[in-house]
Amino acid sequence: KQQQQQQQQQQQQQQQQQQQQQQQQQQQDLGGLQQHHRVGV
């Protein structure tokens, strides 16, 4: 039982890390678009 619980916790942590990475990428993309617009204006 202990081993199973540990494995579940690890999986949850990995999912959280993936979500954080996706959010960071989206923020970077938005920042890049904003810079382009500023240059265009």
C-alpha atoms as a PDB file:
ATOM      1  CA  LYS A   1       0.000   0.000   0.000  1.00  0.00           C
ATOM      2  CA  GLN A   2       2.800   2.411   0.822  1.00  0.00           C
ATOM      3  CA  GLN A   3       4.438   1.924  -2.570  1.00  0.00           C
ATOM      4  CA  GLN A   4       1.186   2.585  -4.425  1.00  0.00           C
ATOM      5  CA  GLN A   5       0.622   5.828  -2.525  1.00  0.00           C
ATOM      6  CA  GLN A   6       4.130   7.066  -3.351  1.00  0.00           C
ATOM      7  CA  GLN A   7       3.633   6.373  -7.050  1.00  0.00           C
ATOM      8  CA  GLN A   8       0.366   8.311  -7.099  1.00  0.00           C
ATOM      9  CA  GLN A   9       2.002  11.319  -5.450  1.00  0.00           C
ATOM     10  CA  GLN A  10       4.806  11.322  -8.011  1.00  0.00           C
ATOM     11  CA  GLN A  11       2.332  11.262 -10.892  1.00  0.00           C
ATOM     12  CA  GLN A  12       0.419  14.222  -9.459  1.00  0.00           C
ATOM     13  CA  GLN A  13       3.624  16.231  -9.091  1.00  0.00           C
ATOM     14  CA  GLN A  14       4.584  15.548 -12.711  1.00  0.00           C
ATOM     15  CA  GLN A  15       1.186  16.732 -13.943  1.00  0.00           C
ATOM     16  CA  GLN A  16       1.516  19.975 -11.970  1.00  0.00           C
ATOM     17  CA  GLN A  17       4.962  20.627 -13.443  1.00  0.00           C
ATOM     18  CA  GLN A  18       3.652  20.127 -16.984  1.00  0.00           C
ATOM     19  CA  GLN A  19       0.824  22.610 -16.397  1.00  0.00           C
ATOM     20  CA  GLN A  20       3.263  25.213 -15.078  1.00  0.00           C
ATOM     21  CA  GLN A  21       5.495  24.811 -18.141  1.00  0.00           C
ATOM     22  CA  GLN A  22       2.548  25.285 -20.496  1.00  0.00           C
ATOM     23  CA  GLN A  23       1.500  28.480 -18.706  1.00  0.00           C
ATOM     24  CA  GLN A  24       5.025  29.900 -18.947  1.00  0.00           C
ATOM     25  CA  GLN A  25       5.173  29.195 -22.689  1.00  0.00           C
ATOM     26  CA  GLN A  26       1.855  30.963 -23.263  1.00  0.00           C
ATOM     27  CA  GLN A  27       3.060  34.024 -21.355  1.00  0.00           C
ATOM     28  CA  GLN A  28       6.233  34.162 -23.450  1.00  0.00           C
ATOM     29  CA  ASP A  29       4.214  33.936 -26.682  1.00  0.00           C
ATOM     30  CA  LEU A  30       1.957  36.804 -25.578  1.00  0.00           C
ATOM     31  CA  GLY A  31       5.008  38.899 -24.661  1.00  0.00           C
ATOM     32  CA  GLY A  32       6.498  38.313 -28.111  1.00  0.00           C
ATOM     33  CA  LEU A  33       3.267  39.323 -29.859  1.00  0.00           C
ATOM     34  CA  GLN A  34       3.021  42.503 -27.789  1.00  0.00           C
ATOM     35  CA  GLN A  35       6.576  43.461 -28.713  1.00  0.00           C
ATOM     36  CA  HIS A  36       5.829  42.987 -32.415  1.00  0.00           C
ATOM     37  CA  HIS A  37       2.742  45.196 -32.178  1.00  0.00           C
ATOM     38  CA  ARG A  38       4.724  47.917 -30.410  1.00  0.00           C
ATOM     39  CA  VAL A  39       7.358  47.830 -33.133  1.00  0.00           C
ATOM     40  CA  GLY A  40       4.647  47.949 -35.816  1.00  0.00           C
ATOM     41  CA  VAL A  41       3.087  51.050 -34.269  1.00  0.00           C
END
